[in-house]
C-alpha atoms as a PDB file:
ATOM      1  CA  MET A   1     -54.299 119.894  52.519  1.00  0.00           C
ATOM      2  CA  GLU A   2     -50.727 119.986  51.210  1.00  0.00           C
ATOM      3  CA  ALA A   3     -47.820 120.548  53.233  1.00  0.00           C
ATOM      4  CA  ASP A   4     -46.975 124.055  51.632  1.00  0.00           C
ATOM      5  CA  GLY A   5     -50.418 125.148  52.073  1.00  0.00           C
ATOM      6  CA  TYR A   6     -50.384 124.033  55.869  1.00  0.00           C
ATOM      7  CA  ILE A   7     -47.217 125.737  56.545  1.00  0.00           C
ATOM      8  CA  LYS A   8     -48.378 128.941  54.878  1.00  0.00           C
ATOM      9  CA  MET A   9     -51.436 128.874  57.100  1.00  0.00           C
ATOM     10  CA  LEU A  10     -49.339 128.532  60.078  1.00  0.00           C
ATOM     11  CA  GLU A  11     -47.171 131.677  59.263  1.00  0.00           C
ATOM     12  CA  THR A  12     -50.267 133.720  58.039  1.00  0.00           C
ATOM     13  CA  PRO A  13     -50.637 136.417  60.837  1.00  0.00           C
ATOM     14  CA  VAL A  14     -54.295 136.276  62.095  1.00  0.00           C
ATOM     15  CA  SER A  15     -56.489 138.378  64.644  1.00  0.00           C
ATOM     16  CA  ASN A  16     -57.729 135.512  66.789  1.00  0.00           C
ATOM     17  CA  ASN A  17     -55.100 132.850  67.898  1.00  0.00           C
ATOM     18  CA  GLU A  18     -57.359 130.577  69.333  1.00  0.00           C
ATOM     19  CA  VAL A  19     -59.020 129.885  65.796  1.00  0.00           C
ATOM     20  CA  LYS A  20     -55.241 128.977  64.524  1.00  0.00           C
ATOM     21  CA  GLU A  21     -54.523 126.697  67.439  1.00  0.00           C
ATOM     22  CA  ALA A  22     -57.956 125.074  67.012  1.00  0.00           C
ATOM     23  CA  PHE A  23     -57.079 124.548  63.246  1.00  0.00           C
ATOM     24  CA  VAL A  24     -53.869 122.845  64.226  1.00  0.00           C
ATOM     25  CA  VAL A  25     -55.746 120.696  66.789  1.00  0.00           C
ATOM     26  CA  SER A  26     -58.249 119.800  64.138  1.00  0.00           C
ATOM     27  CA  CYS A  27     -55.388 118.784  61.751  1.00  0.00           C
ATOM     28  CA  TYR A  28     -53.674 116.329  63.909  1.00  0.00           C
ATOM     29  CA  THR A  29     -56.761 114.921  65.735  1.00  0.00           C
ATOM     30  CA  GLY A  30     -59.592 115.078  62.857  1.00  0.00           C
ATOM     31  CA  LEU A  31     -61.880 116.723  65.579  1.00  0.00           C
ATOM     32  CA  ARG A  32     -64.416 119.442  64.085  1.00  0.00           C
ATOM     33  CA  TRP A  33     -64.186 122.910  65.671  1.00  0.00           C
ATOM     34  CA  CYS A  34     -67.370 122.250  67.824  1.00  0.00           C
ATOM     35  CA  ASP A  35     -65.624 119.512  69.304  1.00  0.00           C
ATOM     36  CA  ILE A  36     -62.578 121.126  70.186  1.00  0.00           C
ATOM     37  CA  ARG A  37     -64.510 124.359  71.532  1.00  0.00           C
ATOM     38  CA  ASP A  38     -65.992 122.004  74.153  1.00  0.00           C
ATOM     39  CA  LEU A  39     -62.927 120.351  75.363  1.00  0.00           C
ATOM     40  CA  LYS A  40     -62.141 120.731  78.830  1.00  0.00           C
ATOM     41  CA  TRP A  41     -58.808 120.237  80.504  1.00  0.00           C
ATOM     42  CA  GLU A  42     -59.868 117.051  82.284  1.00  0.00           C
ATOM     43  CA  ASP A  43     -60.577 115.517  78.849  1.00  0.00           C
ATOM     44  CA  ILE A  44     -56.712 115.500  78.353  1.00  0.00           C
ATOM     45  CA  LYS A  45     -54.543 112.906  80.159  1.00  0.00           C
ATOM     46  CA  GLY A  46     -51.325 112.606  79.182  1.00  0.00           C
ATOM     47  CA  ASP A  47     -51.074 111.943  75.422  1.00  0.00           C
ATOM     48  CA  GLN A  48     -54.985 111.247  75.062  1.00  0.00           C
ATOM     49  CA  ILE A  49     -58.045 113.010  74.668  1.00  0.00           C
ATOM     50  CA  THR A  50     -61.458 111.897  75.897  1.00  0.00           C
ATOM     51  CA  THR A  51     -64.054 113.403  73.783  1.00  0.00           C
ATOM     52  CA  ARG A  52     -67.703 113.855  74.403  1.00  0.00           C
ATOM     53  CA  ILE A  53     -68.211 111.922  71.170  1.00  0.00           C
ATOM     54  CA  ILE A  54     -70.045 108.696  71.880  1.00  0.00           C
ATOM     55  CA  GLN A  55     -69.261 105.415  69.812  1.00  0.00           C
ATOM     56  CA  ALA A  56     -72.478 104.208  68.255  1.00  0.00           C
ATOM     57  CA  LYS A  57     -71.216 100.722  68.411  1.00  0.00           C
ATOM     58  CA  THR A  58     -69.758 100.500  72.078  1.00  0.00           C
ATOM     59  CA  GLY A  59     -71.729 103.524  73.541  1.00  0.00           C
ATOM     60  CA  LYS A  60     -68.218 104.695  74.802  1.00  0.00           C
ATOM     61  CA  PRO A  61     -66.504 108.162  74.157  1.00  0.00           C
ATOM     62  CA  VAL A  62     -64.036 108.243  71.699  1.00  0.00           C
ATOM     63  CA  ILE A  63     -60.235 108.684  72.799  1.00  0.00           C
ATOM     64  CA  ILE A  64     -57.677 110.107  70.556  1.00  0.00           C
ATOM     65  CA  ASN A  65     -53.939 109.527  71.010  1.00  0.00           C
ATOM     66  CA  MET A  66     -52.701 113.223  70.383  1.00  0.00           C
ATOM     67  CA  HIS A  67     -49.876 113.839  67.924  1.00  0.00           C
ATOM     68  CA  PRO A  68     -46.778 115.259  69.692  1.00  0.00           C
ATOM     69  CA  ILE A  69     -47.600 118.650  67.857  1.00  0.00           C
ATOM     70  CA  VAL A  70     -50.889 119.148  69.519  1.00  0.00           C
END
């Protein structure tokens, strides 16, 4: 998505703010809505998210470093 489109989306009023917040998290983490929806507070430690997505190669969960905006 181009920067102008992203900013326009952020400025657009929505009836469900959770959807807008999930969109921002998705943009900065690469996670899909279904993965964001299932996150729990205990999955967030400092600036890292430990996902329920398990890597096929290692068998371990994916750990994502969060951008400060998230």
